[in-house]
């Protein structure tokens, strides 16, 4: 798992009040207790702050899993960039 995904999972755990290491890259809104559309907004804000990126409302609507957040970030981060 790369540093970007590790950071995303840590942000998800923090935002959802889950213990560190409790989520993996299969985490998704429909599979994770406490993750709803309002919580998605909190998660996106945390991701934006951490990675210094901004997302459109449409992009935010599609960010409903660890993998979709990761994919959205890949389009925002410079090539070869890995964040902690």
Foldseek 3Di string as FASTA:
>chain_A
DAQQLLVLQVLVCVLQVHDPPPDHQAFFQVVDPRRDLVSLVVSQVVSCVQVVFDDDPVLSVQPGGSVSVVVVVVVVDPPPDHGD
